[in-house]
C-alpha atoms as a PDB file:
ATOM      1  CA  GLY A   1      36.553  -0.182 -44.092  1.00  0.00           C
ATOM      2  CA  THR A   2      36.764  -2.953 -41.514  1.00  0.00           C
ATOM      3  CA  VAL A   3      39.932  -1.442 -40.064  1.00  0.00           C
ATOM      4  CA  MET A   4      38.203   1.964 -39.757  1.00  0.00           C
ATOM      5  CA  MET A   5      35.199   0.376 -38.012  1.00  0.00           C
ATOM      6  CA  ARG A   6      37.514  -1.357 -35.579  1.00  0.00           C
ATOM      7  CA  ARG A   7      39.366   1.866 -34.921  1.00  0.00           C
ATOM      8  CA  ASN A   8      36.078   3.749 -34.376  1.00  0.00           C
ATOM      9  CA  LYS A   9      34.903   1.062 -32.003  1.00  0.00           C
ATOM     10  CA  GLN A  10      38.190   1.239 -30.121  1.00  0.00           C
ATOM     11  CA  GLN A  11      37.910   5.034 -29.965  1.00  0.00           C
ATOM     12  CA  CYS A  12      34.327   4.772 -28.638  1.00  0.00           C
ATOM     13  CA  LYS A  13      35.486   2.184 -26.111  1.00  0.00           C
ATOM     14  CA  THR A  14      38.254   4.467 -24.878  1.00  0.00           C
ATOM     15  CA  PHE A  15      35.946   7.494 -24.960  1.00  0.00           C
ATOM     16  CA  TYR A  16      32.839   6.059 -23.247  1.00  0.00           C
ATOM     17  CA  GLU A  17      34.183   3.553 -20.709  1.00  0.00           C
ATOM     18  CA  GLY A  18      34.189   5.115 -17.244  1.00  0.00           C
ATOM     19  CA  MET A  19      31.979   7.997 -18.406  1.00  0.00           C
ATOM     20  CA  LEU A  20      29.101   9.188 -16.227  1.00  0.00           C
ATOM     21  CA  PHE A  21      25.653   9.870 -17.716  1.00  0.00           C
ATOM     22  CA  LYS A  22      22.529  11.337 -16.126  1.00  0.00           C
ATOM     23  CA  THR A  23      19.185   9.578 -16.558  1.00  0.00           C
ATOM     24  CA  ASN A  24      15.836  11.380 -16.657  1.00  0.00           C
ATOM     25  CA  ASN A  25      14.485   9.799 -13.475  1.00  0.00           C
ATOM     26  CA  ASP A  26      16.905   7.352 -11.899  1.00  0.00           C
ATOM     27  CA  GLY A  27      20.127   9.208 -11.128  1.00  0.00           C
ATOM     28  CA  ASP A  28      23.543   8.692 -12.710  1.00  0.00           C
ATOM     29  CA  LEU A  29      24.928   5.644 -14.468  1.00  0.00           C
ATOM     30  CA  ILE A  30      28.485   4.785 -15.478  1.00  0.00           C
ATOM     31  CA  VAL A  31      29.559   2.948 -18.632  1.00  0.00           C
ATOM     32  CA  THR A  32      31.580  -0.076 -17.475  1.00  0.00           C
ATOM     33  CA  LYS A  33      32.190  -1.715 -20.864  1.00  0.00           C
ATOM     34  CA  TYR A  34      31.593  -0.582 -24.428  1.00  0.00           C
ATOM     35  CA  VAL A  35      31.188  -3.431 -26.967  1.00  0.00           C
ATOM     36  CA  SER A  36      29.154  -1.626 -29.640  1.00  0.00           C
ATOM     37  CA  SER A  37      26.465   1.047 -29.853  1.00  0.00           C
ATOM     38  CA  GLN A  38      23.952  -1.793 -29.406  1.00  0.00           C
ATOM     39  CA  GLU A  39      25.753  -3.375 -26.455  1.00  0.00           C
ATOM     40  CA  VAL A  40      26.860  -1.017 -23.717  1.00  0.00           C
ATOM     41  CA  HIS A  41      27.341  -2.368 -20.190  1.00  0.00           C
ATOM     42  CA  ILE A  42      26.277   0.086 -17.498  1.00  0.00           C
ATOM     43  CA  LYS A  43      26.031   0.326 -13.719  1.00  0.00           C
ATOM     44  CA  PHE A  44      23.858   2.741 -11.735  1.00  0.00           C
ATOM     45  CA  VAL A  45      25.895   4.743  -9.251  1.00  0.00           C
ATOM     46  CA  GLU A  46      23.362   4.751  -6.394  1.00  0.00           C
ATOM     47  CA  THR A  47      22.040   1.180  -6.462  1.00  0.00           C
ATOM     48  CA  CYS A  48      24.866  -0.657  -8.315  1.00  0.00           C
ATOM     49  CA  PHE A  49      22.220  -2.227 -10.594  1.00  0.00           C
ATOM     50  CA  GLU A  50      23.879  -3.419 -13.811  1.00  0.00           C
ATOM     51  CA  ASP A  51      22.385  -3.749 -17.274  1.00  0.00           C
ATOM     52  CA  VAL A  52      23.257  -3.962 -20.962  1.00  0.00           C
ATOM     53  CA  VAL A  53      21.618  -1.229 -23.053  1.00  0.00           C
ATOM     54  CA  GLN A  54      21.881   0.715 -26.299  1.00  0.00           C
ATOM     55  CA  MET A  55      23.962   3.898 -26.527  1.00  0.00           C
ATOM     56  CA  SER A  56      20.917   5.800 -27.845  1.00  0.00           C
ATOM     57  CA  CYS A  57      18.995   5.042 -24.629  1.00  0.00           C
ATOM     58  CA  ILE A  58      21.917   6.268 -22.523  1.00  0.00           C
ATOM     59  CA  LYS A  59      22.088   9.508 -24.489  1.00  0.00           C
ATOM     60  CA  SER A  60      18.324  10.103 -24.289  1.00  0.00           C
ATOM     61  CA  GLY A  61      18.357   9.438 -20.520  1.00  0.00           C
ATOM     62  CA  THR A  62      15.658   6.765 -20.765  1.00  0.00           C
ATOM     63  CA  VAL A  63      17.555   3.890 -19.126  1.00  0.00           C
ATOM     64  CA  LYS A  64      15.589   2.721 -16.082  1.00  0.00           C
ATOM     65  CA  ASP A  65      16.949   1.469 -12.780  1.00  0.00           C
ATOM     66  CA  PRO A  66      14.502  -1.082 -11.301  1.00  0.00           C
ATOM     67  CA  LEU A  67      16.234  -0.734  -7.936  1.00  0.00           C
ATOM     68  CA  SER A  68      15.787   3.036  -7.645  1.00  0.00           C
ATOM     69  CA  ARG A  69      13.175   4.468  -5.289  1.00  0.00           C
ATOM     70  CA  SER A  70      11.063   5.527  -8.227  1.00  0.00           C
ATOM     71  CA  VAL A  71       7.615   5.518  -6.597  1.00  0.00           C
ATOM     72  CA  TYR A  72       7.067   8.571  -4.329  1.00  0.00           C
ATOM     73  CA  GLY A  73      10.801   8.482  -3.596  1.00  0.00           C
ATOM     74  CA  VAL A  74      10.329   5.334  -1.444  1.00  0.00           C
ATOM     75  CA  GLY A  75       8.971   2.446  -3.544  1.00  0.00           C
ATOM     76  CA  VAL A  76      11.337   0.110  -5.417  1.00  0.00           C
ATOM     77  CA  VAL A  77       9.706  -1.745  -8.337  1.00  0.00           C
ATOM     78  CA  GLY A  78      12.511  -4.278  -8.746  1.00  0.00           C
ATOM     79  CA  GLU A  79      12.804  -6.662 -11.680  1.00  0.00           C
ATOM     80  CA  GLU A  80       9.446  -8.418 -11.287  1.00  0.00           C
ATOM     81  CA  ALA A  81       6.984  -8.373 -14.176  1.00  0.00           C
ATOM     82  CA  THR A  82       4.178  -5.986 -13.224  1.00  0.00           C
ATOM     83  CA  ARG A  83       1.925  -6.483 -16.261  1.00  0.00           C
ATOM     84  CA  ILE A  84       0.313  -9.498 -17.900  1.00  0.00           C
ATOM     85  CA  ASN A  85      -1.211  -9.002 -21.368  1.00  0.00           C
ATOM     86  CA  ASN A  86      -0.682  -5.277 -20.895  1.00  0.00           C
ATOM     87  CA  ARG A  87      -2.785  -5.204 -17.728  1.00  0.00           C
ATOM     88  CA  GLN A  88      -1.312  -4.315 -14.364  1.00  0.00           C
ATOM     89  CA  ILE A  89      -1.286  -7.317 -12.055  1.00  0.00           C
ATOM     90  CA  LYS A  90      -3.364  -7.246  -8.856  1.00  0.00           C
ATOM     91  CA  GLU A  91      -0.295  -7.131  -6.559  1.00  0.00           C
ATOM     92  CA  ARG A  92       1.051  -4.071  -8.366  1.00  0.00           C
ATOM     93  CA  GLU A  93      -2.323  -2.271  -8.112  1.00  0.00           C
ATOM     94  CA  LEU A  94      -2.441  -2.936  -4.368  1.00  0.00           C
ATOM     95  CA  TRP A  95       1.182  -1.865  -3.913  1.00  0.00           C
ATOM     96  CA  SER A  96       0.685   1.388  -5.818  1.00  0.00           C
ATOM     97  CA  SER A  97      -2.496   2.334  -3.954  1.00  0.00           C
ATOM     98  CA  MET A  98      -0.866   1.504  -0.592  1.00  0.00           C
ATOM     99  CA  LEU A  99       2.046   3.854  -1.398  1.00  0.00           C
ATOM    100  CA  THR A 100      -0.408   6.513  -2.607  1.00  0.00           C
ATOM    101  CA  ARG A 101      -2.297   6.382   0.714  1.00  0.00           C
ATOM    102  CA  CYS A 102       0.923   6.881   2.639  1.00  0.00           C
ATOM    103  CA  TYR A 103       3.011   9.221   0.512  1.00  0.00           C
ATOM    104  CA  ASP A 104       0.774  11.237  -1.829  1.00  0.00           C
ATOM    105  CA  ASP A 105       0.085  14.777  -0.558  1.00  0.00           C
ATOM    106  CA  LYS A 106      -2.859  15.249  -2.938  1.00  0.00           C
ATOM    107  CA  PHE A 107      -4.455  12.083  -1.560  1.00  0.00           C
ATOM    108  CA  HIS A 108      -3.887  13.322   2.021  1.00  0.00           C
ATOM    109  CA  SER A 109      -5.662  16.605   1.303  1.00  0.00           C
ATOM    110  CA  ARG A 110      -8.793  14.555   0.478  1.00  0.00           C
ATOM    111  CA  PHE A 111      -8.432  11.671   2.955  1.00  0.00           C
ATOM    112  CA  GLN A 112      -6.857  12.959   6.150  1.00  0.00           C
ATOM    113  CA  ALA A 113      -7.236   9.681   8.026  1.00  0.00           C
ATOM    114  CA  TYR A 114      -4.165   8.454   6.134  1.00  0.00           C
ATOM    115  CA  VAL A 115      -1.879  11.313   7.180  1.00  0.00           C
ATOM    116  CA  GLY A 116       0.971   9.802   9.214  1.00  0.00           C
ATOM    117  CA  CYS A 117       0.607   6.334   7.672  1.00  0.00           C
ATOM    118  CA  SER A 118       3.735   4.627   6.357  1.00  0.00           C
ATOM    119  CA  VAL A 119       4.972   1.431   4.701  1.00  0.00           C
ATOM    120  CA  SER A 120       7.543  -0.936   6.234  1.00  0.00           C
ATOM    121  CA  ASP A 121      10.943  -1.235   4.523  1.00  0.00           C
ATOM    122  CA  ASN A 122      10.110  -4.741   3.278  1.00  0.00           C
ATOM    123  CA  PHE A 123       6.809  -3.610   1.776  1.00  0.00           C
ATOM    124  CA  LYS A 124       8.541  -0.728  -0.064  1.00  0.00           C
ATOM    125  CA  TYR A 125      10.197  -3.411  -2.219  1.00  0.00           C
ATOM    126  CA  PHE A 126       7.598  -4.641  -4.716  1.00  0.00           C
ATOM    127  CA  PRO A 127       8.951  -8.206  -5.252  1.00  0.00           C
ATOM    128  CA  TYR A 128       8.727  -8.805  -1.477  1.00  0.00           C
ATOM    129  CA  PHE A 129       5.181  -7.403  -1.302  1.00  0.00           C
ATOM    130  CA  LYS A 130       4.126  -9.523  -4.284  1.00  0.00           C
ATOM    131  CA  GLU A 131       5.447 -12.727  -2.699  1.00  0.00           C
ATOM    132  CA  TRP A 132       3.790 -11.838   0.630  1.00  0.00           C
ATOM    133  CA  CYS A 133       0.413 -11.296  -1.090  1.00  0.00           C
ATOM    134  CA  ASN A 134       0.566 -14.726  -2.689  1.00  0.00           C
ATOM    135  CA  GLN A 135       1.046 -16.400   0.689  1.00  0.00           C
ATOM    136  CA  GLN A 136      -1.984 -14.727   2.280  1.00  0.00           C
ATOM    137  CA  ILE A 137      -5.433 -16.180   2.936  1.00  0.00           C
ATOM    138  CA  GLY A 138      -7.996 -14.112   1.027  1.00  0.00           C
ATOM    139  CA  PHE A 139      -5.605 -12.654  -1.548  1.00  0.00           C
ATOM    140  CA  ASN A 140      -7.056 -12.478  -5.055  1.00  0.00           C
ATOM    141  CA  ILE A 141     -10.548 -13.407  -3.872  1.00  0.00           C
ATOM    142  CA  GLU A 142     -13.222 -11.149  -5.353  1.00  0.00           C
ATOM    143  CA  GLY A 143     -14.431  -8.588  -2.800  1.00  0.00           C
ATOM    144  CA  PHE A 144     -11.495  -9.049  -0.390  1.00  0.00           C
ATOM    145  CA  GLU A 145      -9.497  -5.935   0.520  1.00  0.00           C
ATOM    146  CA  LEU A 146      -6.099  -5.179   2.047  1.00  0.00           C
ATOM    147  CA  ASP A 147      -6.495  -3.998   5.653  1.00  0.00           C
ATOM    148  CA  LYS A 148      -3.910  -2.619   8.085  1.00  0.00           C
ATOM    149  CA  ASP A 149      -5.797  -2.007  11.360  1.00  0.00           C
ATOM    150  CA  ILE A 150      -7.895  -5.047  12.222  1.00  0.00           C
ATOM    151  CA  LEU A 151      -4.978  -7.160  13.495  1.00  0.00           C
ATOM    152  CA  VAL A 152      -3.497  -4.154  15.324  1.00  0.00           C
ATOM    153  CA  LYS A 153      -6.080  -1.557  16.315  1.00  0.00           C
ATOM    154  CA  GLY A 154      -5.145   2.007  15.440  1.00  0.00           C
ATOM    155  CA  ASN A 155      -2.123   0.824  13.437  1.00  0.00           C
ATOM    156  CA  LYS A 156      -0.575   3.273  10.951  1.00  0.00           C
ATOM    157  CA  ILE A 157       2.110   1.066   9.352  1.00  0.00           C
ATOM    158  CA  TYR A 158       1.509  -1.264   6.404  1.00  0.00           C
ATOM    159  CA  SER A 159       3.685  -4.313   7.089  1.00  0.00           C
ATOM    160  CA  GLU A 160       3.600  -8.120   6.942  1.00  0.00           C
ATOM    161  CA  ASP A 161       2.762  -8.258  10.679  1.00  0.00           C
ATOM    162  CA  THR A 162      -0.141  -5.826  10.523  1.00  0.00           C
ATOM    163  CA  CYS A 163      -1.784  -6.412   7.124  1.00  0.00           C
ATOM    164  CA  CYS A 164      -4.322  -9.008   6.068  1.00  0.00           C
ATOM    165  CA  PHE A 165      -7.000  -9.547   3.432  1.00  0.00           C
ATOM    166  CA  VAL A 166     -10.617  -9.322   4.553  1.00  0.00           C
ATOM    167  CA  PRO A 167     -13.987  -9.247   2.797  1.00  0.00           C
ATOM    168  CA  ARG A 168     -15.534  -5.807   2.341  1.00  0.00           C
ATOM    169  CA  GLU A 169     -18.236  -6.634   4.908  1.00  0.00           C
ATOM    170  CA  ILE A 170     -15.570  -7.033   7.603  1.00  0.00           C
ATOM    171  CA  ASN A 171     -13.580  -4.002   6.470  1.00  0.00           C
ATOM    172  CA  SER A 172     -16.641  -1.746   6.602  1.00  0.00           C
ATOM    173  CA  LEU A 173     -17.386  -2.791  10.220  1.00  0.00           C
ATOM    174  CA  PHE A 174     -14.738  -0.336  11.371  1.00  0.00           C
ATOM    175  CA  VAL A 175     -15.506   2.789   9.364  1.00  0.00           C
ATOM    176  CA  LYS A 176     -15.655   5.565  11.964  1.00  0.00           C
ATOM    177  CA  ARG A 177     -17.447   8.302   9.918  1.00  0.00           C
ATOM    178  CA  LYS A 178     -16.047  10.959  12.266  1.00  0.00           C
ATOM    179  CA  LYS A 179     -17.131  13.818   9.997  1.00  0.00           C
ATOM    180  CA  SER A 180     -20.819  12.936  10.004  1.00  0.00           C
ATOM    181  CA  ARG A 181     -21.214  11.845  13.626  1.00  0.00           C
ATOM    182  CA  GLY A 182     -20.481  15.164  15.343  1.00  0.00           C
ATOM    183  CA  ASN A 183     -18.990  15.404  18.814  1.00  0.00           C
ATOM    184  CA  PHE A 184     -20.673  12.423  20.443  1.00  0.00           C
ATOM    185  CA  ALA A 185     -19.291   8.965  21.154  1.00  0.00           C
ATOM    186  CA  LEU A 186     -19.475   6.272  18.507  1.00  0.00           C
ATOM    187  CA  GLY A 187     -23.061   5.127  17.869  1.00  0.00           C
ATOM    188  CA  VAL A 188     -24.586   8.056  19.792  1.00  0.00           C
ATOM    189  CA  ASP A 189     -26.450  11.237  18.867  1.00  0.00           C
ATOM    190  CA  TYR A 190     -28.654  13.683  20.821  1.00  0.00           C
ATOM    191  CA  LYS A 191     -32.428  14.068  20.357  1.00  0.00           C
ATOM    192  CA  LYS A 192     -33.161  17.661  21.283  1.00  0.00           C
ATOM    193  CA  SER A 193     -36.929  17.171  21.168  1.00  0.00           C
ATOM    194  CA  VAL A 194     -36.852  14.695  24.069  1.00  0.00           C
ATOM    195  CA  LYS A 195     -33.526  15.819  25.623  1.00  0.00           C
ATOM    196  CA  LYS A 196     -32.159  12.279  25.500  1.00  0.00           C
ATOM    197  CA  PHE A 197     -29.237  10.454  23.897  1.00  0.00           C
ATOM    198  CA  ARG A 198     -30.071   7.974  21.172  1.00  0.00           C
ATOM    199  CA  ALA A 199     -28.008   4.820  20.464  1.00  0.00           C
ATOM    200  CA  ARG A 200     -27.914   3.139  17.067  1.00  0.00           C
ATOM    201  CA  CYS A 201     -25.851   0.303  15.603  1.00  0.00           C
ATOM    202  CA  GLY A 202     -26.016   0.421  11.809  1.00  0.00           C
ATOM    203  CA  ASN A 203     -29.713   0.647  10.999  1.00  0.00           C
ATOM    204  CA  LYS A 204     -30.697  -0.870  14.328  1.00  0.00           C
ATOM    205  CA  TYR A 205     -32.259   1.516  16.851  1.00  0.00           C
ATOM    206  CA  LEU A 206     -31.157   0.693  20.426  1.00  0.00           C
ATOM    207  CA  GLY A 207     -33.208   3.172  22.485  1.00  0.00           C
ATOM    208  CA  LEU A 208     -33.026   6.538  24.280  1.00  0.00           C
ATOM    209  CA  PHE A 209     -30.815   7.172  27.336  1.00  0.00           C
ATOM    210  CA  ASN A 210     -30.335   9.888  29.939  1.00  0.00           C
ATOM    211  CA  THR A 211     -26.552  10.049  29.492  1.00  0.00           C
ATOM    212  CA  GLU A 212     -24.173   9.772  26.576  1.00  0.00           C
ATOM    213  CA  LEU A 213     -22.247   7.060  28.427  1.00  0.00           C
ATOM    214  CA  GLU A 214     -25.322   4.824  28.838  1.00  0.00           C
ATOM    215  CA  ALA A 215     -26.124   5.235  25.151  1.00  0.00           C
ATOM    216  CA  PHE A 216     -22.529   4.397  24.229  1.00  0.00           C
ATOM    217  CA  TYR A 217     -22.541   1.223  26.335  1.00  0.00           C
ATOM    218  CA  ALA A 218     -25.716   0.047  24.626  1.00  0.00           C
ATOM    219  CA  TYR A 219     -24.010   0.658  21.278  1.00  0.00           C
ATOM    220  CA  LYS A 220     -20.769  -1.058  22.422  1.00  0.00           C
ATOM    221  CA  GLN A 221     -22.615  -4.224  23.439  1.00  0.00           C
ATOM    222  CA  ALA A 222     -24.611  -4.364  20.202  1.00  0.00           C
ATOM    223  CA  LYS A 223     -21.574  -3.651  18.010  1.00  0.00           C
ATOM    224  CA  GLU A 224     -19.321  -6.239  19.662  1.00  0.00           C
ATOM    225  CA  THR A 225     -22.073  -8.854  19.335  1.00  0.00           C
ATOM    226  CA  TYR A 226     -22.523  -7.959  15.664  1.00  0.00           C
ATOM    227  CA  ILE A 227     -18.744  -8.135  14.987  1.00  0.00           C
ATOM    228  CA  LYS A 228     -18.713 -11.682  16.427  1.00  0.00           C
ATOM    229  CA  GLU A 229     -21.683 -12.657  14.218  1.00  0.00           C
ATOM    230  CA  VAL A 230     -19.874 -11.409  11.113  1.00  0.00           C
ATOM    231  CA  ALA A 231     -16.648 -13.150  12.233  1.00  0.00           C
ATOM    232  CA  ASN A 232     -18.466 -16.460  12.548  1.00  0.00           C
ATOM    233  CA  LYS A 233     -20.162 -15.992   9.175  1.00  0.00           C
ATOM    234  CA  TRP A 234     -16.728 -15.675   7.481  1.00  0.00           C
ATOM    235  CA  LYS A 235     -14.781 -17.981   9.823  1.00  0.00           C
ATOM    236  CA  ASP A 236     -13.863 -20.606   7.208  1.00  0.00           C
ATOM    237  CA  GLN A 237     -12.704 -18.070   4.606  1.00  0.00           C
ATOM    238  CA  ILE A 238     -10.562 -15.664   6.634  1.00  0.00           C
ATOM    239  CA  ASP A 239      -7.105 -15.793   8.213  1.00  0.00           C
ATOM    240  CA  PRO A 240      -7.372 -17.277  11.750  1.00  0.00           C
ATOM    241  CA  ARG A 241      -5.545 -14.154  13.021  1.00  0.00           C
ATOM    242  CA  VAL A 242      -8.398 -12.029  11.644  1.00  0.00           C
ATOM    243  CA  TYR A 243     -11.022 -14.277  13.231  1.00  0.00           C
ATOM    244  CA  ASN A 244      -9.306 -14.044  16.646  1.00  0.00           C
ATOM    245  CA  ALA A 245      -8.935 -10.263  16.365  1.00  0.00           C
ATOM    246  CA  LEU A 246     -12.667  -9.910  15.611  1.00  0.00           C
ATOM    247  CA  MET A 247     -13.746 -12.223  18.430  1.00  0.00           C
ATOM    248  CA  ASN A 248     -11.634 -10.190  20.884  1.00  0.00           C
ATOM    249  CA  TYR A 249     -12.435  -6.772  19.446  1.00  0.00           C
ATOM    250  CA  GLN A 250     -13.263  -4.087  22.042  1.00  0.00           C
ATOM    251  CA  VAL A 251     -15.234  -0.993  21.100  1.00  0.00           C
ATOM    252  CA  GLU A 252     -13.881   1.916  23.160  1.00  0.00           C
ATOM    253  CA  ILE A 253     -15.301   5.334  23.855  1.00  0.00           C
ATOM    254  CA  THR A 254     -12.119   6.876  22.462  1.00  0.00           C
ATOM    255  CA  ASP A 255     -12.733   5.255  19.030  1.00  0.00           C
END
């Protein structure tokens, strides 16, 4: 019996080694060494990632390649643990939602402001993104959010140079609400009854003006003052880069 088992093993070794198998999601793998049905050494063709797996997993196509671009065809999960006690870790949640905003067509049909946004090569690799998060001021603080366009106005790329964590109060300072504001400049609407332009900053009424430009400048001054107030309120809890960006922030008529 033992001789037969050895012979079978040798036959399997000869048969399987060098053989190519397809996986369900992660491309082809090649068997590099066959020890037993429980110990098969494999290498993924595209990424060269190597692993030791069971023959049954190879045959069912369920072997996973952590280095494949498995998330929207761009994101690489890598070999980092992404769950603790069966719950997805914060970094992984942020990473997934960032990739969704940039690469999910269904998401774009609902939120068109994100069309044309992308993720830097470094940030496409989850272990890098995770490490970056853990070095940032404001990460993992309740109510803080990942932002990509405070440090660089109008920015469309999520990267380590453009992203930061800010409290929701700061993040919501820059919501443009283009849909609801109509065709007028930021902070301005038109009062037909008096044929004048009205300026408002949040819930604060700033007065009526003869021209849209005058109304906008009243809004600009009020908004920039308010942004500085909020910056100073959070000064000790935010990244100094964020504080400087807020103190120098310019509201423009093209916003």
